[in-house]
C-alpha atoms as a PDB file:
ATOM      1  CA  MET A   1      13.245 127.310-134.314  1.00  0.00           C
ATOM      2  CA  LYS A   2      14.068 124.817-136.773  1.00  0.00           C
ATOM      3  CA  ILE A   3      16.773 123.654-134.996  1.00  0.00           C
ATOM      4  CA  LEU A   4      14.675 123.182-132.003  1.00  0.00           C
ATOM      5  CA  LEU A   5      12.122 121.109-133.936  1.00  0.00           C
ATOM      6  CA  ILE A   6      15.028 119.350-135.575  1.00  0.00           C
ATOM      7  CA  VAL A   7      16.296 117.857-132.373  1.00  0.00           C
ATOM      8  CA  GLY A   8      12.866 117.215-130.572  1.00  0.00           C
ATOM      9  CA  ILE A   9      11.826 114.857-133.945  1.00  0.00           C
ATOM     10  CA  ALA A  10      15.345 112.903-133.727  1.00  0.00           C
ATOM     11  CA  ALA A  11      15.131 112.826-130.240  1.00  0.00           C
ATOM     12  CA  ALA A  12      11.509 111.403-130.388  1.00  0.00           C
ATOM     13  CA  SER A  13      12.450 109.344-133.149  1.00  0.00           C
ATOM     14  CA  GLY A  14      15.526 107.912-131.086  1.00  0.00           C
ATOM     15  CA  LEU A  15      13.401 107.507-128.334  1.00  0.00           C
ATOM     16  CA  GLY A  16      10.848 105.439-130.288  1.00  0.00           C
ATOM     17  CA  TYR A  17      13.454 103.252-131.759  1.00  0.00           C
ATOM     18  CA  LEU A  18      15.156 102.623-128.606  1.00  0.00           C
ATOM     19  CA  LEU A  19      11.753 101.650-126.502  1.00  0.00           C
ATOM     20  CA  SER A  20      11.051  99.313-129.365  1.00  0.00           C
ATOM     21  CA  SER A  21      14.031  97.734-130.164  1.00  0.00           C
ATOM     22  CA  THR A  22      15.564  96.919-126.980  1.00  0.00           C
ATOM     23  CA  THR A  23      14.231  95.893-123.454  1.00  0.00           C
ATOM     24  CA  PRO A  24      15.915  97.310-119.781  1.00  0.00           C
ATOM     25  CA  ALA A  25      17.843  94.307-119.047  1.00  0.00           C
ATOM     26  CA  ASN A  26      19.472  93.955-122.678  1.00  0.00           C
ATOM     27  CA  ALA A  27      20.160  98.036-122.837  1.00  0.00           C
ATOM     28  CA  GLY A  28      22.034  98.057-119.493  1.00  0.00           C
ATOM     29  CA  ALA A  29      23.221 101.500-118.119  1.00  0.00           C
ATOM     30  CA  THR A  30      23.832 103.010-121.029  1.00  0.00           C
ATOM     31  CA  GLY A  31      20.548 102.220-122.660  1.00  0.00           C
ATOM     32  CA  ILE A  32      18.543 103.548-119.646  1.00  0.00           C
ATOM     33  CA  LEU A  33      20.548 106.866-119.310  1.00  0.00           C
ATOM     34  CA  THR A  34      19.872 107.448-123.041  1.00  0.00           C
ATOM     35  CA  VAL A  35      15.942 106.919-122.387  1.00  0.00           C
ATOM     36  CA  PHE A  36      16.376 109.761-119.610  1.00  0.00           C
ATOM     37  CA  LEU A  37      18.455 111.961-121.867  1.00  0.00           C
ATOM     38  CA  LEU A  38      16.238 111.831-124.958  1.00  0.00           C
ATOM     39  CA  SER A  39      12.735 111.994-122.870  1.00  0.00           C
ATOM     40  CA  TYR A  40      14.230 115.027-121.389  1.00  0.00           C
ATOM     41  CA  VAL A  41      15.273 116.579-124.392  1.00  0.00           C
ATOM     42  CA  MET A  42      11.940 115.530-126.073  1.00  0.00           C
ATOM     43  CA  SER A  43      10.125 117.328-122.887  1.00  0.00           C
ATOM     44  CA  VAL A  44      12.198 120.435-123.203  1.00  0.00           C
ATOM     45  CA  VAL A  45      10.846 120.874-126.839  1.00  0.00           C
ATOM     46  CA  MET A  46       7.406 120.170-126.335  1.00  0.00           C
ATOM     47  CA  LEU A  47       7.566 122.512-123.260  1.00  0.00           C
ATOM     48  CA  THR A  48       9.314 125.073-125.233  1.00  0.00           C
ATOM     49  CA  PHE A  49       6.551 125.429-127.703  1.00  0.00           C
ATOM     50  CA  PHE A  50       3.812 124.894-125.300  1.00  0.00           C
ATOM     51  CA  ILE A  51       5.185 127.983-123.308  1.00  0.00           C
ATOM     52  CA  PHE A  52       5.413 130.165-126.423  1.00  0.00           C
ATOM     53  CA  GLY A  53       2.843 129.189-128.060  1.00  0.00           C
ATOM     54  CA  THR A  54       0.468 129.572-125.025  1.00  0.00           C
ATOM     55  CA  HIS A  55       2.120 133.205-124.166  1.00  0.00           C
ATOM     56  CA  ARG A  56       1.438 134.386-127.782  1.00  0.00           C
ATOM     57  CA  VAL A  57      -2.494 133.253-127.459  1.00  0.00           C
ATOM     58  CA  ILE A  58      -2.602 134.758-124.193  1.00  0.00           C
ATOM     59  CA  THR A  59      -1.286 137.894-125.916  1.00  0.00           C
ATOM     60  CA  ARG A  60      -3.413 138.234-128.825  1.00  0.00           C
ATOM     61  CA  LEU A  61      -6.285 137.429-126.736  1.00  0.00           C
ATOM     62  CA  PHE A  62      -6.143 139.809-123.729  1.00  0.00           C
ATOM     63  CA  TYR A  63      -3.741 142.507-125.125  1.00  0.00           C
ATOM     64  CA  SER A  64      -4.479 142.764-129.101  1.00  0.00           C
ATOM     65  CA  ASP A  65      -6.110 146.323-128.149  1.00  0.00           C
ATOM     66  CA  ARG A  66      -2.459 147.557-126.891  1.00  0.00           C
ATOM     67  CA  THR A  67       0.014 148.702-129.371  1.00  0.00           C
ATOM     68  CA  GLY A  68       3.754 148.945-128.524  1.00  0.00           C
ATOM     69  CA  ARG A  69       5.139 145.910-126.116  1.00  0.00           C
ATOM     70  CA  VAL A  70       3.304 143.927-123.659  1.00  0.00           C
ATOM     71  CA  ALA A  71       5.479 143.885-120.265  1.00  0.00           C
ATOM     72  CA  ASP A  72       7.776 140.703-119.552  1.00  0.00           C
ATOM     73  CA  ASP A  73       7.250 139.497-122.988  1.00  0.00           C
ATOM     74  CA  VAL A  74       8.498 135.898-123.222  1.00  0.00           C
ATOM     75  CA  THR A  75      10.967 135.347-126.411  1.00  0.00           C
ATOM     76  CA  LEU A  76      11.297 131.755-127.608  1.00  0.00           C
ATOM     77  CA  ARG A  77      15.001 131.903-126.009  1.00  0.00           C
ATOM     78  CA  ARG A  78      13.216 132.358-122.743  1.00  0.00           C
ATOM     79  CA  SER A  79      10.566 129.914-123.185  1.00  0.00           C
ATOM     80  CA  TYR A  80      13.700 127.476-123.960  1.00  0.00           C
ATOM     81  CA  TYR A  81      15.155 128.532-120.291  1.00  0.00           C
ATOM     82  CA  PHE A  82      11.947 127.957-118.560  1.00  0.00           C
ATOM     83  CA  ALA A  83      11.074 124.690-120.050  1.00  0.00           C
ATOM     84  CA  SER A  84      14.704 123.562-119.388  1.00  0.00           C
ATOM     85  CA  ILE A  85      13.892 123.832-115.950  1.00  0.00           C
ATOM     86  CA  LEU A  86      10.451 122.244-116.156  1.00  0.00           C
ATOM     87  CA  ALA A  87      11.435 119.385-117.409  1.00  0.00           C
ATOM     88  CA  LEU A  88      13.300 118.517-114.992  1.00  0.00           C
ATOM     89  CA  GLY A  89      10.360 117.871-112.954  1.00  0.00           C
ATOM     90  CA  PRO A  90       8.732 114.787-114.319  1.00  0.00           C
ATOM     91  CA  LEU A  91      12.220 113.465-114.953  1.00  0.00           C
ATOM     92  CA  ILE A  92      13.118 113.708-111.183  1.00  0.00           C
ATOM     93  CA  LEU A  93       9.904 112.374-110.052  1.00  0.00           C
ATOM     94  CA  VAL A  94      10.914 109.168-112.619  1.00  0.00           C
ATOM     95  CA  SER A  95      14.024 108.844-111.142  1.00  0.00           C
ATOM     96  CA  LEU A  96      12.786 109.018-107.783  1.00  0.00           C
ATOM     97  CA  ARG A  97      10.130 106.224-108.375  1.00  0.00           C
ATOM     98  CA  SER A  98      13.048 103.929-109.710  1.00  0.00           C
ATOM     99  CA  VAL A  99      14.733 104.064-106.628  1.00  0.00           C
ATOM    100  CA  GLY A 100      12.036 104.326-103.920  1.00  0.00           C
ATOM    101  CA  LYS A 101       8.507 105.541-103.227  1.00  0.00           C
ATOM    102  CA  VAL A 102       7.647 108.899-103.787  1.00  0.00           C
ATOM    103  CA  GLY A 103       5.628 110.777-101.434  1.00  0.00           C
ATOM    104  CA  VAL A 104       4.496 113.810-100.681  1.00  0.00           C
ATOM    105  CA  THR A 105       7.582 115.199 -99.199  1.00  0.00           C
ATOM    106  CA  GLU A 106       9.344 114.181-102.302  1.00  0.00           C
ATOM    107  CA  LEU A 107       6.973 115.831-104.567  1.00  0.00           C
ATOM    108  CA  ILE A 108       7.070 118.776-102.491  1.00  0.00           C
ATOM    109  CA  LEU A 109      10.991 119.242-102.628  1.00  0.00           C
ATOM    110  CA  VAL A 110      10.685 118.895-106.262  1.00  0.00           C
ATOM    111  CA  LEU A 111       8.256 121.681-106.823  1.00  0.00           C
ATOM    112  CA  LEU A 112       9.802 123.507-104.498  1.00  0.00           C
ATOM    113  CA  LEU A 113      13.065 123.257-106.858  1.00  0.00           C
ATOM    114  CA  LEU A 114      11.492 123.653-110.092  1.00  0.00           C
ATOM    115  CA  ALA A 115       9.952 126.992-108.675  1.00  0.00           C
ATOM    116  CA  ILE A 116      13.735 128.216-107.233  1.00  0.00           C
ATOM    117  CA  GLY A 117      14.720 127.457-110.803  1.00  0.00           C
ATOM    118  CA  CYS A 118      11.740 129.568-112.456  1.00  0.00           C
ATOM    119  CA  LEU A 119      12.625 131.912-110.350  1.00  0.00           C
ATOM    120  CA  TYR A 120      16.232 132.069-111.138  1.00  0.00           C
ATOM    121  CA  VAL A 121      15.852 132.189-114.920  1.00  0.00           C
ATOM    122  CA  SER A 122      13.140 134.883-114.350  1.00  0.00           C
ATOM    123  CA  ARG A 123      15.645 137.265-112.937  1.00  0.00           C
ATOM    124  CA  GLN A 124      18.432 136.341-115.195  1.00  0.00           C
ATOM    125  CA  THR A 125      16.494 136.739-118.125  1.00  0.00           C
ATOM    126  CA  ALA A 126      14.562 140.087-117.318  1.00  0.00           C
END
């Protein structure tokens, strides 16, 4: 958990520095790739904590009267796996937007890709 937090803070500070110190024309292809990579890492970290925290809150609110283990418990590792899939969605949409127009078809295909990825993760981590 500490490592994930440190990586997220480092990615956020690196992204902030990169966005404030360079322009896309000066950064070149490597700079743009770095922006995409750092934004992906930040998204993964934020989504991991969001999924893990939301699951804990919902479990405490709705399952506080039960003793024992709640079925399909979400650990921090499992939250990370789901977050690594879901963080690709906005990144793919921004990438598609930069090379052309994003329409309904592309949005449906990205959502389908994310659903298949989440289904895969849920089956592999069960």
